[in-house]
């Protein structure tokens, strides 16, 4: 075999070896960067609702939540809370009050492809509340007879269903503590309530409008982690 032919042969082998090494390194990097199925469990609390309650706002949704991290992409979420409202209507003078539970179930999807602890979420929730409320008015004016008399309706029952779509951002503060924000647009699906006594407020949803905006500011605690190490450690 002539020397030029040998050189070409050796160069070809080197090129093939280099190509295989590069492809293998890229494949190993993909394997290292890929998140495992189970990446952990977290619990959270929305500080906005508790702050609104502390300043005696017209209504407040105080809630806690739990979620599972799958592939660092999919986050099934369950949220449980208490909706509280005590409000006097400016037009009617009626006093509305309720303190009742609500639930939300849904999914957050992380759009950030890098596993660096920062997350940009797409948010989806289904919300539900079966609640009781009271309506009172000390000087209720009868629309037919024009007389005034005290009005007191206690324990009226209602059921509300709604959907929430939005975006969220989350970042790591310290070790297992995280902070997250979300903005959500709420679509009321249905509301069943007595005729003539529709509630001013739906626990978990907010003011009883057809649709409306809402938001959360969550303190999040990672309480359980899976094999959340995407990079191989140097054993040397």
Protein backbone atom coordinates (compact mmCIF):
# COMPACT_ATOMS: atom_id res chain seq x y z
CA UNK A 1 0.00 0.00 0.00
CA UNK A 2 1.44 3.33 -1.07
CA UNK A 3 2.15 6.00 1.55
CA UNK A 4 -0.49 8.51 0.22
CA UNK A 5 -3.09 5.73 0.33
CA UNK A 6 -2.07 4.81 3.91
CA UNK A 7 -2.29 8.45 4.97
CA UNK A 8 -5.73 8.77 3.44
CA UNK A 9 -6.80 5.57 5.18
CA UNK A 10 -5.49 6.74 8.56
CA UNK A 11 -7.07 10.16 8.10
CA UNK A 12 -10.37 8.49 7.24
CA UNK A 13 -10.21 6.36 10.40
CA UNK A 14 -9.39 9.44 12.49
CA UNK A 15 -12.29 11.33 10.94
CA UNK A 16 -14.71 8.45 11.55
CA UNK A 17 -13.47 8.08 15.13
CA UNK A 18 -13.79 11.81 15.75
CA UNK A 19 -17.32 11.79 14.30
CA UNK A 20 -18.36 8.84 16.46
CA UNK A 21 -16.83 10.47 19.54
CA UNK A 22 -18.68 13.72 18.86
CA UNK A 23 -22.00 11.94 18.32
CA UNK A 24 -21.48 9.86 21.44
CA UNK A 25 -20.63 12.96 23.48
CA UNK A 26 -23.75 14.71 22.21
CA UNK A 27 -25.85 11.66 23.04
CA UNK A 28 -24.34 11.48 26.53
CA UNK A 29 -25.05 15.17 27.04
CA UNK A 30 -28.68 14.65 26.04
CA UNK A 31 -28.93 11.78 28.51
CA UNK A 32 -27.36 13.88 31.24
CA UNK A 33 -29.63 16.87 30.60
CA UNK A 34 -32.81 14.84 30.44
CA UNK A 35 -34.84 15.05 33.61
CA UNK A 36 -36.10 11.84 35.25
CA UNK A 37 -39.79 11.02 35.51
CA UNK A 38 -40.14 11.92 39.19
CA UNK A 39 -38.36 15.14 40.14
CA UNK A 40 -40.00 15.91 43.45
CA UNK A 41 -43.00 17.14 45.43
CA UNK A 42 -43.71 20.67 46.65
CA UNK A 43 -46.26 22.46 48.81
CA UNK A 44 -47.19 26.14 48.57
CA UNK A 45 -49.23 28.96 50.07
CA UNK A 46 -50.65 32.01 48.29
CA UNK A 47 -49.63 35.02 50.38
CA UNK A 48 -51.95 37.41 48.48
CA UNK A 49 -55.12 35.94 49.98
CA UNK A 50 -53.75 36.00 53.53
CA UNK A 51 -52.59 39.60 53.04
CA UNK A 52 -56.05 40.63 51.78
CA UNK A 53 -57.62 39.03 54.83
CA UNK A 54 -55.15 40.83 57.11
CA UNK A 55 -56.11 44.26 55.69
CA UNK A 56 -59.83 43.42 55.92
CA UNK A 57 -60.49 43.48 52.16
CA UNK A 58 -64.02 42.89 50.80
CA UNK A 59 -63.04 39.35 49.91
CA UNK A 60 -60.03 37.04 50.21
CA UNK A 61 -59.11 33.58 48.92
CA UNK A 62 -56.69 31.93 51.34
CA UNK A 63 -55.23 28.76 49.86
CA UNK A 64 -52.51 26.14 50.02
CA UNK A 65 -51.45 23.77 47.26
CA UNK A 66 -49.47 20.64 46.46
CA UNK A 67 -47.88 19.51 43.22
CA UNK A 68 -45.75 16.77 41.66
CA UNK A 69 -42.82 17.50 39.31
CA UNK A 70 -42.69 15.14 36.30
CA UNK A 71 -39.70 15.48 33.92
CA UNK A 72 -39.35 19.09 35.19
CA UNK A 73 -42.03 19.87 32.56
CA UNK A 74 -45.40 18.70 33.82
CA UNK A 75 -46.67 19.76 37.25
CA UNK A 76 -50.04 18.28 38.29
CA UNK A 77 -51.46 20.62 40.94
CA UNK A 78 -54.19 20.49 43.60
CA UNK A 79 -55.19 23.65 45.50
CA UNK A 80 -57.48 23.85 48.53
CA UNK A 81 -58.64 27.05 50.16
CA UNK A 82 -61.17 29.09 52.11
CA UNK A 83 -62.98 31.96 50.43
CA UNK A 84 -64.05 34.74 52.80
CA UNK A 85 -66.24 37.77 52.06
CA UNK A 86 -68.16 40.29 54.19
CA UNK A 87 -69.44 43.15 52.09
CA UNK A 88 -72.20 45.77 52.13
CA UNK A 89 -73.58 46.75 48.74
CA UNK A 90 -73.48 50.47 48.00
CA UNK A 91 -76.65 50.40 45.87
CA UNK A 92 -78.90 47.99 47.75
CA UNK A 93 -77.48 48.23 51.25
CA UNK A 94 -77.60 44.43 51.46
CA UNK A 95 -74.88 42.77 53.53
CA UNK A 96 -73.37 39.64 51.96
CA UNK A 97 -71.19 37.21 53.91
CA UNK A 98 -69.68 33.78 53.39
CA UNK A 99 -66.72 31.73 54.62
CA UNK A 100 -66.59 28.54 52.57
CA UNK A 101 -64.12 26.08 51.02
CA UNK A 102 -63.14 25.64 47.38
CA UNK A 103 -60.91 23.35 45.32
CA UNK A 104 -58.87 23.65 42.15
CA UNK A 105 -57.18 20.95 40.09
CA UNK A 106 -54.99 21.40 37.05
CA UNK A 107 -51.58 21.40 35.42
CA UNK A 108 -48.61 23.74 35.03
CA UNK A 109 -46.33 23.28 32.01
CA UNK A 110 -42.73 24.51 32.18
CA UNK A 111 -41.59 26.15 28.91
CA UNK A 112 -37.99 26.60 30.07
CA UNK A 113 -35.84 23.91 28.44
CA UNK A 114 -32.92 24.51 30.79
CA UNK A 115 -32.99 22.82 34.19
CA UNK A 116 -31.59 25.84 36.03
CA UNK A 117 -34.29 26.26 38.66
CA UNK A 118 -36.11 29.08 36.87
CA UNK A 119 -39.45 28.22 35.28
CA UNK A 120 -41.90 29.86 32.91
CA UNK A 121 -45.29 28.19 33.20
CA UNK A 122 -48.44 27.83 31.22
CA UNK A 123 -51.24 27.50 33.80
CA UNK A 124 -54.53 25.62 33.62
CA UNK A 125 -57.05 25.07 36.45
CA UNK A 126 -60.55 23.75 36.98
CA UNK A 127 -62.22 25.26 40.05
CA UNK A 128 -65.22 24.19 42.09
CA UNK A 129 -67.03 25.48 45.19
CA UNK A 130 -70.23 24.37 46.92
CA UNK A 131 -70.91 27.02 49.54
CA UNK A 132 -73.41 28.74 51.83
CA UNK A 133 -73.93 32.48 52.25
CA UNK A 134 -76.04 34.99 54.17
CA UNK A 135 -77.82 38.15 53.00
CA UNK A 136 -79.18 40.78 55.40
CA UNK A 137 -80.60 44.30 55.28
CA UNK A 138 -82.02 46.11 58.30
CA UNK A 139 -84.07 48.54 56.18
CA UNK A 140 -85.07 46.49 53.15
CA UNK A 141 -87.56 48.36 50.91
CA UNK A 142 -90.35 46.18 49.50
CA UNK A 143 -90.50 46.97 45.76
CA UNK A 144 -94.26 46.27 45.58
CA UNK A 145 -95.71 47.80 48.75
CA UNK A 146 -93.02 50.41 49.37
CA UNK A 147 -92.69 49.48 53.02
CA UNK A 148 -89.43 48.80 54.82
CA UNK A 149 -88.66 45.83 57.03
CA UNK A 150 -85.59 43.86 58.10
CA UNK A 151 -84.33 41.27 55.60
CA UNK A 152 -82.43 38.22 56.79
CA UNK A 153 -81.62 35.20 54.60
CA UNK A 154 -79.28 32.66 56.14
CA UNK A 155 -77.67 29.52 54.77
CA UNK A 156 -78.49 30.02 51.08
CA UNK A 157 -76.75 27.31 49.01
CA UNK A 158 -74.91 27.79 45.72
CA UNK A 159 -72.48 25.88 43.52
CA UNK A 160 -69.96 27.42 41.15
CA UNK A 161 -67.67 25.94 38.47
CA UNK A 162 -64.99 27.79 36.51
CA UNK A 163 -61.78 27.46 34.43
CA UNK A 164 -58.55 29.41 34.72
CA UNK A 165 -55.89 29.97 32.03
CA UNK A 166 -52.73 31.99 32.47
CA UNK A 167 -48.96 32.24 32.83
CA UNK A 168 -46.61 31.95 35.78
CA UNK A 169 -42.98 32.59 36.70
CA UNK A 170 -41.00 30.81 39.40
CA UNK A 171 -37.49 31.21 40.78
CA UNK A 172 -35.36 29.67 43.52
CA UNK A 173 -34.79 31.83 46.60
CA UNK A 174 -32.76 29.59 48.90
CA UNK A 175 -32.17 25.84 48.97
CA UNK A 176 -35.68 24.31 49.13
CA UNK A 177 -37.59 27.64 49.13
CA UNK A 178 -39.01 29.11 45.92
CA UNK A 179 -41.15 32.11 44.96
CA UNK A 180 -43.73 32.10 42.18
CA UNK A 181 -46.15 34.52 40.52
CA UNK A 182 -49.10 33.83 38.25
CA UNK A 183 -51.72 35.83 36.35
CA UNK A 184 -54.91 33.97 35.39
CA UNK A 185 -58.01 34.76 33.37
CA UNK A 186 -61.08 33.08 34.87
CA UNK A 187 -64.06 31.79 32.88
CA UNK A 188 -67.19 31.07 34.88
CA UNK A 189 -68.76 27.87 33.60
CA UNK A 190 -71.89 27.76 35.76
CA UNK A 191 -73.46 29.07 38.94
CA UNK A 192 -76.48 27.47 40.61
CA UNK A 193 -78.11 29.69 43.23
CA UNK A 194 -81.63 30.60 44.46
CA UNK A 195 -83.69 33.02 42.35
CA UNK A 196 -83.42 36.57 43.57
CA UNK A 197 -80.48 35.90 45.86
CA UNK A 198 -77.42 35.42 43.63
CA UNK A 199 -74.16 35.64 45.63
CA UNK A 200 -71.83 38.61 45.34
CA UNK A 201 -68.76 36.40 45.75
CA UNK A 202 -67.81 32.82 44.74
CA UNK A 203 -65.11 31.27 46.98
CA UNK A 204 -61.95 30.63 44.95
CA UNK A 205 -63.28 32.54 41.95
CA UNK A 206 -63.77 36.03 43.34
CA UNK A 207 -66.38 38.66 42.57
CA UNK A 208 -69.34 37.12 40.78
CA UNK A 209 -68.71 38.48 37.29
CA UNK A 210 -69.06 36.38 34.16
CA UNK A 211 -65.27 36.41 33.59
CA UNK A 212 -62.39 38.15 35.33
CA UNK A 213 -58.70 38.33 36.13
CA UNK A 214 -56.95 36.93 39.17
CA UNK A 215 -53.42 36.32 40.39
CA UNK A 216 -51.28 34.57 42.99
CA UNK A 217 -47.95 35.09 44.74
CA UNK A 218 -46.82 31.74 46.13
CA UNK A 219 -44.18 30.73 48.63
CA UNK A 220 -43.17 27.19 47.59
CA UNK A 221 -41.35 24.55 49.61
CA UNK A 222 -39.71 21.50 48.02
CA UNK A 223 -40.53 18.80 50.56
CA UNK A 224 -39.56 15.70 48.57
CA UNK A 225 -37.15 15.22 45.68
CA UNK A 226 -36.57 12.47 43.18
CA UNK A 227 -33.35 11.84 41.24
CA UNK A 228 -33.15 15.49 40.25
CA UNK A 229 -29.49 15.43 39.18
CA UNK A 230 -29.24 16.02 35.46
CA UNK A 231 -25.46 16.43 35.27
CA UNK A 232 -23.05 13.62 36.01
CA UNK A 233 -20.77 14.35 38.96
CA UNK A 234 -17.02 14.24 38.62
CA UNK A 235 -15.83 11.22 40.63
CA UNK A 236 -12.16 12.23 40.55
